[in-house]
């Protein structure tokens, strides 16, 4: 269930199917401080950062499809706002990519 702020100033709840076709593919070391059984300290954070970057890219692509569908139904104003959101996803992903390159 997602809460969406309605145009009348109050919240509306709506439920819809939301699936993801990607894996949460990084290892957890269980909080050990000594290097996680031979792994360098911070490798879990690096894996999480990499996962989050890919995750965000996936959502940006999903949103592009949503914008396209709104545009096809004549809702140009909606498509434009979604595309502005995608620009911010892309900007955030640029910073995440930079952070990831600094970790490696």
PDB file of N, CA and C in Angstrom:
ATOM      1  N   UNK A   1       0.852  -1.176   0.000  1.00  0.00           N
ATOM      2  CA  UNK A   1       0.000   0.000   0.000  1.00  0.00           C
ATOM      3  C   UNK A   1       0.890   1.229   0.000  1.00  0.00           C
ATOM      4  N   UNK A   2       0.641   2.129  -0.911  1.00  0.00           N
ATOM      5  CA  UNK A   2       1.351   3.392  -0.976  1.00  0.00           C
ATOM      6  C   UNK A   2       0.374   4.495  -0.609  1.00  0.00           C
ATOM      7  N   UNK A   3       0.881   5.531   0.030  1.00  0.00           N
ATOM      8  CA  UNK A   3       0.062   6.688   0.354  1.00  0.00           C
ATOM      9  C   UNK A   3       0.407   7.782  -0.650  1.00  0.00           C
ATOM     10  N   UNK A   4      -0.594   8.328  -1.285  1.00  0.00           N
ATOM     11  CA  UNK A   4      -0.408   9.373  -2.270  1.00  0.00           C
ATOM     12  C   UNK A   4      -1.153  10.601  -1.798  1.00  0.00           C
ATOM     13  N   UNK A   5      -0.461  11.746  -1.771  1.00  0.00           N
ATOM     14  CA  UNK A   5      -1.091  12.992  -1.373  1.00  0.00           C
ATOM     15  C   UNK A   5      -2.045  13.412  -2.478  1.00  0.00           C
ATOM     16  N   UNK A   6      -3.307  13.471  -2.173  1.00  0.00           N
ATOM     17  CA  UNK A   6      -4.310  13.828  -3.164  1.00  0.00           C
ATOM     18  C   UNK A   6      -4.299  15.314  -3.461  1.00  0.00           C
ATOM     19  N   UNK A   7      -4.901  15.703  -4.547  1.00  0.00           N
ATOM     20  CA  UNK A   7      -4.925  17.109  -4.928  1.00  0.00           C
ATOM     21  C   UNK A   7      -5.803  17.940  -4.006  1.00  0.00           C
ATOM     22  N   UNK A   8      -6.560  17.287  -3.132  1.00  0.00           N
ATOM     23  CA  UNK A   8      -7.438  17.995  -2.219  1.00  0.00           C
ATOM     24  C   UNK A   8      -6.794  18.196  -0.858  1.00  0.00           C
ATOM     25  N   UNK A   9      -5.494  17.921  -0.738  1.00  0.00           N
ATOM     26  CA  UNK A   9      -4.783  18.173   0.493  1.00  0.00           C
ATOM     27  C   UNK A   9      -4.855  17.066   1.524  1.00  0.00           C
ATOM     28  N   UNK A  10      -5.375  15.917   1.174  1.00  0.00           N
ATOM     29  CA  UNK A  10      -5.386  14.803   2.116  1.00  0.00           C
ATOM     30  C   UNK A  10      -4.868  13.548   1.420  1.00  0.00           C
ATOM     31  N   UNK A  11      -4.483  12.601   2.217  1.00  0.00           N
ATOM     32  CA  UNK A  11      -3.842  11.407   1.675  1.00  0.00           C
ATOM     33  C   UNK A  11      -4.865  10.380   1.222  1.00  0.00           C
ATOM     34  N   UNK A  12      -4.524   9.688   0.181  1.00  0.00           N
ATOM     35  CA  UNK A  12      -5.322   8.574  -0.324  1.00  0.00           C
ATOM     36  C   UNK A  12      -4.419   7.352  -0.380  1.00  0.00           C
ATOM     37  N   UNK A  13      -4.903   6.241   0.083  1.00  0.00           N
ATOM     38  CA  UNK A  13      -4.129   5.008  -0.029  1.00  0.00           C
ATOM     39  C   UNK A  13      -4.549   4.247  -1.267  1.00  0.00           C
ATOM     40  N   UNK A  14      -3.609   3.582  -1.859  1.00  0.00           N
ATOM     41  CA  UNK A  14      -3.955   2.699  -2.960  1.00  0.00           C
ATOM     42  C   UNK A  14      -2.999   1.517  -2.953  1.00  0.00           C
ATOM     43  N   UNK A  15      -3.504   0.411  -3.343  1.00  0.00           N
ATOM     44  CA  UNK A  15      -2.680  -0.800  -3.390  1.00  0.00           C
ATOM     45  C   UNK A  15      -2.546  -1.232  -4.837  1.00  0.00           C
ATOM     46  N   UNK A  16      -1.366  -1.676  -5.186  1.00  0.00           N
ATOM     47  CA  UNK A  16      -1.159  -2.209  -6.522  1.00  0.00           C
ATOM     48  C   UNK A  16      -0.001  -3.188  -6.487  1.00  0.00           C
ATOM     49  N   UNK A  17       0.036  -4.001  -7.510  1.00  0.00           N
ATOM     50  CA  UNK A  17       1.112  -4.979  -7.639  1.00  0.00           C
ATOM     51  C   UNK A  17       2.395  -4.245  -7.974  1.00  0.00           C
ATOM     52  N   UNK A  18       3.471  -4.543  -7.279  1.00  0.00           N
ATOM     53  CA  UNK A  18       4.757  -3.912  -7.544  1.00  0.00           C
ATOM     54  C   UNK A  18       5.823  -4.986  -7.422  1.00  0.00           C
ATOM     55  N   UNK A  19       6.299  -5.441  -8.552  1.00  0.00           N
ATOM     56  CA  UNK A  19       7.292  -6.505  -8.523  1.00  0.00           C
ATOM     57  C   UNK A  19       8.629  -5.983  -9.002  1.00  0.00           C
ATOM     58  N   UNK A  20       9.657  -6.652  -8.585  1.00  0.00           N
ATOM     59  CA  UNK A  20      11.017  -6.310  -8.993  1.00  0.00           C
ATOM     60  C   UNK A  20      11.674  -7.556  -9.545  1.00  0.00           C
ATOM     61  N   UNK A  21      12.371  -7.390 -10.652  1.00  0.00           N
ATOM     62  CA  UNK A  21      13.044  -8.519 -11.284  1.00  0.00           C
ATOM     63  C   UNK A  21      14.547  -8.450 -11.080  1.00  0.00           C
ATOM     64  N   UNK A  22      14.957  -8.082  -9.879  1.00  0.00           N
ATOM     65  CA  UNK A  22      16.383  -8.041  -9.615  1.00  0.00           C
ATOM     66  C   UNK A  22      16.660  -8.655  -8.255  1.00  0.00           C
ATOM     67  N   UNK A  23      17.887  -9.100  -8.098  1.00  0.00           N
ATOM     68  CA  UNK A  23      18.267  -9.785  -6.874  1.00  0.00           C
ATOM     69  C   UNK A  23      18.971  -8.843  -5.919  1.00  0.00           C
ATOM     70  N   UNK A  24      18.858  -9.145  -4.671  1.00  0.00           N
ATOM     71  CA  UNK A  24      19.597  -8.455  -3.630  1.00  0.00           C
ATOM     72  C   UNK A  24      20.879  -9.262  -3.442  1.00  0.00           C
ATOM     73  N   UNK A  25      21.860  -8.998  -4.301  1.00  0.00           N
ATOM     74  CA  UNK A  25      23.019  -9.884  -4.400  1.00  0.00           C
ATOM     75  C   UNK A  25      24.251  -9.284  -3.738  1.00  0.00           C
ATOM     76  N   UNK A  26      24.268  -9.285  -2.443  1.00  0.00           N
ATOM     77  CA  UNK A  26      25.503  -8.992  -1.735  1.00  0.00           C
ATOM     78  C   UNK A  26      25.514  -9.765  -0.434  1.00  0.00           C
ATOM     79  N   UNK A  27      26.710  -9.974   0.071  1.00  0.00           N
ATOM     80  CA  UNK A  27      26.853 -10.803   1.252  1.00  0.00           C
ATOM     81  C   UNK A  27      26.819  -9.953   2.510  1.00  0.00           C
ATOM     82  N   UNK A  28      26.319 -10.523   3.566  1.00  0.00           N
ATOM     83  CA  UNK A  28      26.333  -9.882   4.875  1.00  0.00           C
ATOM     84  C   UNK A  28      27.316 -10.631   5.749  1.00  0.00           C
ATOM     85  N   UNK A  29      28.148  -9.893   6.469  1.00  0.00           N
ATOM     86  CA  UNK A  29      29.170 -10.567   7.256  1.00  0.00           C
ATOM     87  C   UNK A  29      28.767 -10.692   8.714  1.00  0.00           C
ATOM     88  N   UNK A  30      27.623 -10.202   9.107  1.00  0.00           N
ATOM     89  CA  UNK A  30      27.158 -10.387  10.474  1.00  0.00           C
ATOM     90  C   UNK A  30      27.762  -9.440  11.480  1.00  0.00           C
ATOM     91  N   UNK A  31      28.330  -8.329  11.038  1.00  0.00           N
ATOM     92  CA  UNK A  31      28.800  -7.313  11.960  1.00  0.00           C
ATOM     93  C   UNK A  31      30.192  -7.528  12.515  1.00  0.00           C
ATOM     94  N   UNK A  32      30.996  -8.377  11.923  1.00  0.00           N
ATOM     95  CA  UNK A  32      32.340  -8.586  12.451  1.00  0.00           C
ATOM     96  C   UNK A  32      33.220  -7.390  12.108  1.00  0.00           C
ATOM     97  N   UNK A  33      34.086  -7.006  13.017  1.00  0.00           N
ATOM     98  CA  UNK A  33      34.954  -5.850  12.799  1.00  0.00           C
ATOM     99  C   UNK A  33      36.328  -6.240  12.287  1.00  0.00           C
ATOM    100  N   UNK A  34      36.648  -7.513  12.213  1.00  0.00           N
ATOM    101  CA  UNK A  34      38.010  -7.946  11.911  1.00  0.00           C
ATOM    102  C   UNK A  34      38.247  -8.239  10.434  1.00  0.00           C
ATOM    103  N   UNK A  35      37.393  -7.818   9.564  1.00  0.00           N
ATOM    104  CA  UNK A  35      37.626  -8.023   8.144  1.00  0.00           C
ATOM    105  C   UNK A  35      36.761  -9.088   7.518  1.00  0.00           C
ATOM    106  N   UNK A  36      35.767  -9.600   8.196  1.00  0.00           N
ATOM    107  CA  UNK A  36      34.784 -10.524   7.637  1.00  0.00           C
ATOM    108  C   UNK A  36      35.429 -11.716   6.950  1.00  0.00           C
ATOM    109  N   UNK A  37      36.126 -12.510   7.706  1.00  0.00           N
ATOM    110  CA  UNK A  37      36.709 -13.762   7.211  1.00  0.00           C
ATOM    111  C   UNK A  37      37.545 -13.550   5.957  1.00  0.00           C
ATOM    112  N   UNK A  38      38.456 -12.601   6.033  1.00  0.00           N
ATOM    113  CA  UNK A  38      39.365 -12.376   4.923  1.00  0.00           C
ATOM    114  C   UNK A  38      38.949 -11.276   3.972  1.00  0.00           C
ATOM    115  N   UNK A  39      37.739 -10.795   4.081  1.00  0.00           N
ATOM    116  CA  UNK A  39      37.314  -9.695   3.225  1.00  0.00           C
ATOM    117  C   UNK A  39      37.767  -8.390   3.853  1.00  0.00           C
ATOM    118  N   UNK A  40      38.099  -7.426   3.018  1.00  0.00           N
ATOM    119  CA  UNK A  40      38.543  -6.148   3.548  1.00  0.00           C
ATOM    120  C   UNK A  40      37.379  -5.444   4.234  1.00  0.00           C
ATOM    121  N   UNK A  41      37.667  -4.704   5.313  1.00  0.00           N
ATOM    122  CA  UNK A  41      36.592  -3.948   5.964  1.00  0.00           C
ATOM    123  C   UNK A  41      35.958  -2.990   4.954  1.00  0.00           C
ATOM    124  N   UNK A  42      34.667  -2.874   4.976  1.00  0.00           N
ATOM    125  CA  UNK A  42      33.964  -1.996   4.053  1.00  0.00           C
ATOM    126  C   UNK A  42      33.458  -2.696   2.808  1.00  0.00           C
ATOM    127  N   UNK A  43      33.836  -3.956   2.595  1.00  0.00           N
ATOM    128  CA  UNK A  43      33.386  -4.622   1.370  1.00  0.00           C
ATOM    129  C   UNK A  43      31.876  -4.823   1.370  1.00  0.00           C
ATOM    130  N   UNK A  44      31.283  -4.995   2.546  1.00  0.00           N
ATOM    131  CA  UNK A  44      29.827  -5.120   2.611  1.00  0.00           C
ATOM    132  C   UNK A  44      29.174  -3.806   2.199  1.00  0.00           C
ATOM    133  N   UNK A  45      29.729  -2.689   2.657  1.00  0.00           N
ATOM    134  CA  UNK A  45      29.186  -1.388   2.276  1.00  0.00           C
ATOM    135  C   UNK A  45      29.367  -1.145   0.785  1.00  0.00           C
ATOM    136  N   UNK A  46      30.497  -1.579   0.238  1.00  0.00           N
ATOM    137  CA  UNK A  46      30.726  -1.438  -1.200  1.00  0.00           C
ATOM    138  C   UNK A  46      29.700  -2.244  -1.990  1.00  0.00           C
ATOM    139  N   UNK A  47      29.439  -3.464  -1.541  1.00  0.00           N
ATOM    140  CA  UNK A  47      28.449  -4.312  -2.214  1.00  0.00           C
ATOM    141  C   UNK A  47      27.063  -3.693  -2.120  1.00  0.00           C
ATOM    142  N   UNK A  48      26.728  -3.150  -0.962  1.00  0.00           N
ATOM    143  CA  UNK A  48      25.424  -2.512  -0.788  1.00  0.00           C
ATOM    144  C   UNK A  48      25.304  -1.280  -1.679  1.00  0.00           C
ATOM    145  N   UNK A  49      26.358  -0.485  -1.752  1.00  0.00           N
ATOM    146  CA  UNK A  49      26.345   0.698  -2.604  1.00  0.00           C
ATOM    147  C   UNK A  49      26.167   0.310  -4.070  1.00  0.00           C
ATOM    148  N   UNK A  50      26.859  -0.725  -4.490  1.00  0.00           N
ATOM    149  CA  UNK A  50      26.727  -1.213  -5.864  1.00  0.00           C
ATOM    150  C   UNK A  50      25.300  -1.687  -6.132  1.00  0.00           C
ATOM    151  N   UNK A  51      24.749  -2.434  -5.196  1.00  0.00           N
ATOM    152  CA  UNK A  51      23.367  -2.911  -5.323  1.00  0.00           C
ATOM    153  C   UNK A  51      22.392  -1.738  -5.424  1.00  0.00           C
ATOM    154  N   UNK A  52      22.561  -0.741  -4.545  1.00  0.00           N
ATOM    155  CA  UNK A  52      21.636   0.394  -4.537  1.00  0.00           C
ATOM    156  C   UNK A  52      21.713   1.179  -5.842  1.00  0.00           C
ATOM    157  N   UNK A  53      22.911   1.318  -6.389  1.00  0.00           N
ATOM    158  CA  UNK A  53      23.066   2.004  -7.670  1.00  0.00           C
ATOM    159  C   UNK A  53      22.303   1.264  -8.769  1.00  0.00           C
ATOM    160  N   UNK A  54      22.489  -0.046  -8.852  1.00  0.00           N
ATOM    161  CA  UNK A  54      21.759  -0.832  -9.850  1.00  0.00           C
ATOM    162  C   UNK A  54      20.251  -0.764  -9.618  1.00  0.00           C
ATOM    163  N   UNK A  55      19.852  -0.813  -8.362  1.00  0.00           N
ATOM    164  CA  UNK A  55      18.443  -0.747  -7.977  1.00  0.00           C
ATOM    165  C   UNK A  55      17.825   0.575  -8.454  1.00  0.00           C
ATOM    166  N   UNK A  56      18.528   1.674  -8.207  1.00  0.00           N
ATOM    167  CA  UNK A  56      18.036   2.985  -8.634  1.00  0.00           C
ATOM    168  C   UNK A  56      17.938   3.081 -10.153  1.00  0.00           C
ATOM    169  N   UNK A  57      18.926   2.527 -10.847  1.00  0.00           N
ATOM    170  CA  UNK A  57      18.882   2.548 -12.317  1.00  0.00           C
ATOM    171  C   UNK A  57      17.658   1.788 -12.821  1.00  0.00           C
ATOM    172  N   UNK A  58      17.358   0.679 -12.166  1.00  0.00           N
ATOM    173  CA  UNK A  58      16.188  -0.120 -12.540  1.00  0.00           C
ATOM    174  C   UNK A  58      14.901   0.689 -12.344  1.00  0.00           C
ATOM    175  N   UNK A  59      14.801   1.377 -11.218  1.00  0.00           N
ATOM    176  CA  UNK A  59      13.606   2.183 -10.964  1.00  0.00           C
ATOM    177  C   UNK A  59      13.487   3.339 -11.954  1.00  0.00           C
ATOM    178  N   UNK A  60      14.595   3.955 -12.321  1.00  0.00           N
ATOM    179  CA  UNK A  60      14.552   5.030 -13.313  1.00  0.00           C
ATOM    180  C   UNK A  60      14.016   4.503 -14.641  1.00  0.00           C
ATOM    181  N   UNK A  61      14.439   3.307 -15.022  1.00  0.00           N
ATOM    182  CA  UNK A  61      13.940   2.699 -16.265  1.00  0.00           C
ATOM    183  C   UNK A  61      12.446   2.404 -16.165  1.00  0.00           C
ATOM    184  N   UNK A  62      12.005   1.912 -15.006  1.00  0.00           N
ATOM    185  CA  UNK A  62      10.572   1.663 -14.800  1.00  0.00           C
ATOM    186  C   UNK A  62       9.780   2.958 -14.920  1.00  0.00           C
ATOM    187  N   UNK A  63      10.310   4.020 -14.333  1.00  0.00           N
ATOM    188  CA  UNK A  63       9.623   5.310 -14.395  1.00  0.00           C
ATOM    189  C   UNK A  63       9.565   5.848 -15.819  1.00  0.00           C
ATOM    190  N   UNK A  64      10.596   5.600 -16.605  1.00  0.00           N
ATOM    191  CA  UNK A  64      10.572   6.027 -18.010  1.00  0.00           C
ATOM    192  C   UNK A  64       9.425   5.349 -18.754  1.00  0.00           C
ATOM    193  N   UNK A  65       9.199   4.080 -18.459  1.00  0.00           N
ATOM    194  CA  UNK A  65       8.064   3.368 -19.065  1.00  0.00           C
ATOM    195  C   UNK A  65       6.736   3.962 -18.611  1.00  0.00           C
ATOM    196  N   UNK A  66       6.652   4.315 -17.339  1.00  0.00           N
ATOM    197  CA  UNK A  66       5.427   4.924 -16.807  1.00  0.00           C
ATOM    198  C   UNK A  66       5.173   6.259 -17.506  1.00  0.00           C
ATOM    199  N   UNK A  67       6.220   7.077 -17.643  1.00  0.00           N
ATOM    200  CA  UNK A  67       6.077   8.372 -18.315  1.00  0.00           C
ATOM    201  C   UNK A  67       5.593   8.188 -19.750  1.00  0.00           C
ATOM    202  N   UNK A  68       6.163   7.208 -20.433  1.00  0.00           N
ATOM    203  CA  UNK A  68       5.766   6.932 -21.820  1.00  0.00           C
ATOM    204  C   UNK A  68       4.283   6.582 -21.903  1.00  0.00           C
ATOM    205  N   UNK A  69       3.816   5.766 -20.975  1.00  0.00           N
ATOM    206  CA  UNK A  69       2.405   5.361 -20.985  1.00  0.00           C
ATOM    207  C   UNK A  69       1.480   6.545 -20.707  1.00  0.00           C
ATOM    208  N   UNK A  70       1.885   7.420 -19.781  1.00  0.00           N
ATOM    209  CA  UNK A  70       1.070   8.617 -19.542  1.00  0.00           C
ATOM    210  C   UNK A  70       1.049   9.506 -20.783  1.00  0.00           C
ATOM    211  N   UNK A  71       2.196   9.657 -21.431  1.00  0.00           N
ATOM    212  CA  UNK A  71       2.260  10.479 -22.640  1.00  0.00           C
ATOM    213  C   UNK A  71       1.340   9.910 -23.722  1.00  0.00           C
ATOM    214  N   UNK A  72       1.330   8.593 -23.864  1.00  0.00           N
ATOM    215  CA  UNK A  72       0.481   7.939 -24.867  1.00  0.00           C
ATOM    216  C   UNK A  72      -1.006   8.144 -24.595  1.00  0.00           C
ATOM    217  N   UNK A  73      -1.370   8.397 -23.347  1.00  0.00           N
ATOM    218  CA  UNK A  73      -2.778   8.633 -23.011  1.00  0.00           C
ATOM    219  C   UNK A  73      -3.113  10.125 -22.970  1.00  0.00           C
ATOM    220  N   UNK A  74      -2.175  10.959 -23.456  1.00  0.00           N
ATOM    221  CA  UNK A  74      -2.433  12.389 -23.520  1.00  0.00           C
ATOM    222  C   UNK A  74      -2.114  13.155 -22.249  1.00  0.00           C
ATOM    223  N   UNK A  75      -1.505  12.520 -21.293  1.00  0.00           N
ATOM    224  CA  UNK A  75      -1.161  13.177 -20.020  1.00  0.00           C
ATOM    225  C   UNK A  75       0.277  13.693 -20.075  1.00  0.00           C
ATOM    226  N   UNK A  76       0.528  14.633 -20.972  1.00  0.00           N
ATOM    227  CA  UNK A  76       1.866  15.188 -21.176  1.00  0.00           C
ATOM    228  C   UNK A  76       2.418  15.816 -19.900  1.00  0.00           C
ATOM    229  N   UNK A  77       1.565  16.539 -19.158  1.00  0.00           N
ATOM    230  CA  UNK A  77       2.027  17.199 -17.937  1.00  0.00           C
ATOM    231  C   UNK A  77       2.524  16.185 -16.908  1.00  0.00           C
ATOM    232  N   UNK A  78       1.876  15.049 -16.822  1.00  0.00           N
ATOM    233  CA  UNK A  78       2.299  13.988 -15.903  1.00  0.00           C
ATOM    234  C   UNK A  78       3.632  13.407 -16.371  1.00  0.00           C
ATOM    235  N   UNK A  79       3.743  13.136 -17.662  1.00  0.00           N
ATOM    236  CA  UNK A  79       4.978  12.570 -18.214  1.00  0.00           C
ATOM    237  C   UNK A  79       6.164  13.492 -17.963  1.00  0.00           C
ATOM    238  N   UNK A  80       5.959  14.781 -18.129  1.00  0.00           N
ATOM    239  CA  UNK A  80       7.039  15.756 -17.910  1.00  0.00           C
ATOM    240  C   UNK A  80       7.509  15.726 -16.460  1.00  0.00           C
ATOM    241  N   UNK A  81       6.586  15.653 -15.517  1.00  0.00           N
ATOM    242  CA  UNK A  81       6.969  15.620 -14.101  1.00  0.00           C
ATOM    243  C   UNK A  81       7.735  14.340 -13.762  1.00  0.00           C
ATOM    244  N   UNK A  82       7.300  13.234 -14.315  1.00  0.00           N
ATOM    245  CA  UNK A  82       8.005  11.963 -14.084  1.00  0.00           C
ATOM    246  C   UNK A  82       9.409  12.041 -14.675  1.00  0.00           C
ATOM    247  N   UNK A  83       9.530  12.626 -15.853  1.00  0.00           N
ATOM    248  CA  UNK A  83      10.846  12.756 -16.477  1.00  0.00           C
ATOM    249  C   UNK A  83      11.763  13.661 -15.666  1.00  0.00           C
ATOM    250  N   UNK A  84      11.214  14.674 -15.015  1.00  0.00           N
ATOM    251  CA  UNK A  84      12.015  15.507 -14.107  1.00  0.00           C
ATOM    252  C   UNK A  84      12.506  14.677 -12.927  1.00  0.00           C
ATOM    253  N   UNK A  85      11.659  13.804 -12.426  1.00  0.00           N
ATOM    254  CA  UNK A  85      12.069  12.911 -11.336  1.00  0.00           C
ATOM    255  C   UNK A  85      13.192  11.988 -11.805  1.00  0.00           C
ATOM    256  N   UNK A  86      13.085  11.487 -13.030  1.00  0.00           N
ATOM    257  CA  UNK A  86      14.122  10.608 -13.582  1.00  0.00           C
ATOM    258  C   UNK A  86      15.451  11.351 -13.674  1.00  0.00           C
ATOM    259  N   UNK A  87      15.406  12.624 -14.056  1.00  0.00           N
ATOM    260  CA  UNK A  87      16.633  13.423 -14.107  1.00  0.00           C
ATOM    261  C   UNK A  87      17.301  13.460 -12.739  1.00  0.00           C
ATOM    262  N   UNK A  88      16.498  13.564 -11.682  1.00  0.00           N
ATOM    263  CA  UNK A  88      17.064  13.568 -10.336  1.00  0.00           C
ATOM    264  C   UNK A  88      17.599  12.192  -9.946  1.00  0.00           C
ATOM    265  N   UNK A  89      16.928  11.127 -10.370  1.00  0.00           N
ATOM    266  CA  UNK A  89      17.468   9.778 -10.166  1.00  0.00           C
ATOM    267  C   UNK A  89      18.841   9.692 -10.831  1.00  0.00           C
ATOM    268  N   UNK A  90      18.918  10.166 -12.086  1.00  0.00           N
ATOM    269  CA  UNK A  90      20.173  10.096 -12.833  1.00  0.00           C
ATOM    270  C   UNK A  90      21.275  10.898 -12.144  1.00  0.00           C
ATOM    271  N   UNK A  91      20.922  12.064 -11.629  1.00  0.00           N
ATOM    272  CA  UNK A  91      21.903  12.887 -10.917  1.00  0.00           C
ATOM    273  C   UNK A  91      22.373  12.170  -9.652  1.00  0.00           C
ATOM    274  N   UNK A  92      21.444  11.609  -8.899  1.00  0.00           N
ATOM    275  CA  UNK A  92      21.809  10.856  -7.702  1.00  0.00           C
ATOM    276  C   UNK A  92      22.668   9.656  -8.043  1.00  0.00           C
ATOM    277  N   UNK A  93      22.338   8.976  -9.135  1.00  0.00           N
ATOM    278  CA  UNK A  93      23.120   7.817  -9.556  1.00  0.00           C
ATOM    279  C   UNK A  93      24.538   8.210  -9.950  1.00  0.00           C
ATOM    280  N   UNK A  94      24.699   9.402 -10.497  1.00  0.00           N
ATOM    281  CA  UNK A  94      26.032   9.893 -10.826  1.00  0.00           C
ATOM    282  C   UNK A  94      26.873  10.012  -9.555  1.00  0.00           C
ATOM    283  N   UNK A  95      26.285  10.575  -8.505  1.00  0.00           N
ATOM    284  CA  UNK A  95      26.999  10.706  -7.233  1.00  0.00           C
ATOM    285  C   UNK A  95      27.282   9.341  -6.608  1.00  0.00           C
ATOM    286  N   UNK A  96      26.329   8.416  -6.707  1.00  0.00           N
ATOM    287  CA  UNK A  96      26.564   7.067  -6.188  1.00  0.00           C
ATOM    288  C   UNK A  96      27.685   6.378  -6.961  1.00  0.00           C
ATOM    289  N   UNK A  97      27.724   6.568  -8.273  1.00  0.00           N
ATOM    290  CA  UNK A  97      28.797   5.993  -9.093  1.00  0.00           C
ATOM    291  C   UNK A  97      30.151   6.559  -8.686  1.00  0.00           C
ATOM    292  N   UNK A  98      30.186   7.860  -8.449  1.00  0.00           N
ATOM    293  CA  UNK A  98      31.426   8.495  -8.010  1.00  0.00           C
ATOM    294  C   UNK A  98      31.861   7.935  -6.658  1.00  0.00           C
ATOM    295  N   UNK A  99      30.919   7.820  -5.732  1.00  0.00           N
ATOM    296  CA  UNK A  99      31.235   7.259  -4.415  1.00  0.00           C
ATOM    297  C   UNK A  99      31.761   5.837  -4.555  1.00  0.00           C
ATOM    298  N   UNK A 100      31.137   5.051  -5.404  1.00  0.00           N
ATOM    299  CA  UNK A 100      31.560   3.668  -5.606  1.00  0.00           C
ATOM    300  C   UNK A 100      32.969   3.609  -6.194  1.00  0.00           C
ATOM    301  N   UNK A 101      33.266   4.505  -7.126  1.00  0.00           N
ATOM    302  CA  UNK A 101      34.611   4.514  -7.714  1.00  0.00           C
ATOM    303  C   UNK A 101      35.665   4.907  -6.685  1.00  0.00           C
ATOM    304  N   UNK A 102      35.298   5.716  -5.706  1.00  0.00           N
ATOM    305  CA  UNK A 102      36.237   6.112  -4.654  1.00  0.00           C
ATOM    306  C   UNK A 102      36.497   4.983  -3.665  1.00  0.00           C
ATOM    307  N   UNK A 103      35.543   4.075  -3.537  1.00  0.00           N
ATOM    308  CA  UNK A 103      35.683   2.943  -2.619  1.00  0.00           C
ATOM    309  C   UNK A 103      36.573   1.871  -3.225  1.00  0.00           C
ATOM    310  N   UNK A 104      36.489   1.688  -4.533  1.00  0.00           N
ATOM    311  CA  UNK A 104      37.220   0.596  -5.211  1.00  0.00           C
ATOM    312  C   UNK A 104      38.699   0.887  -5.316  1.00  0.00           C
TER     313      UNK A 104
END
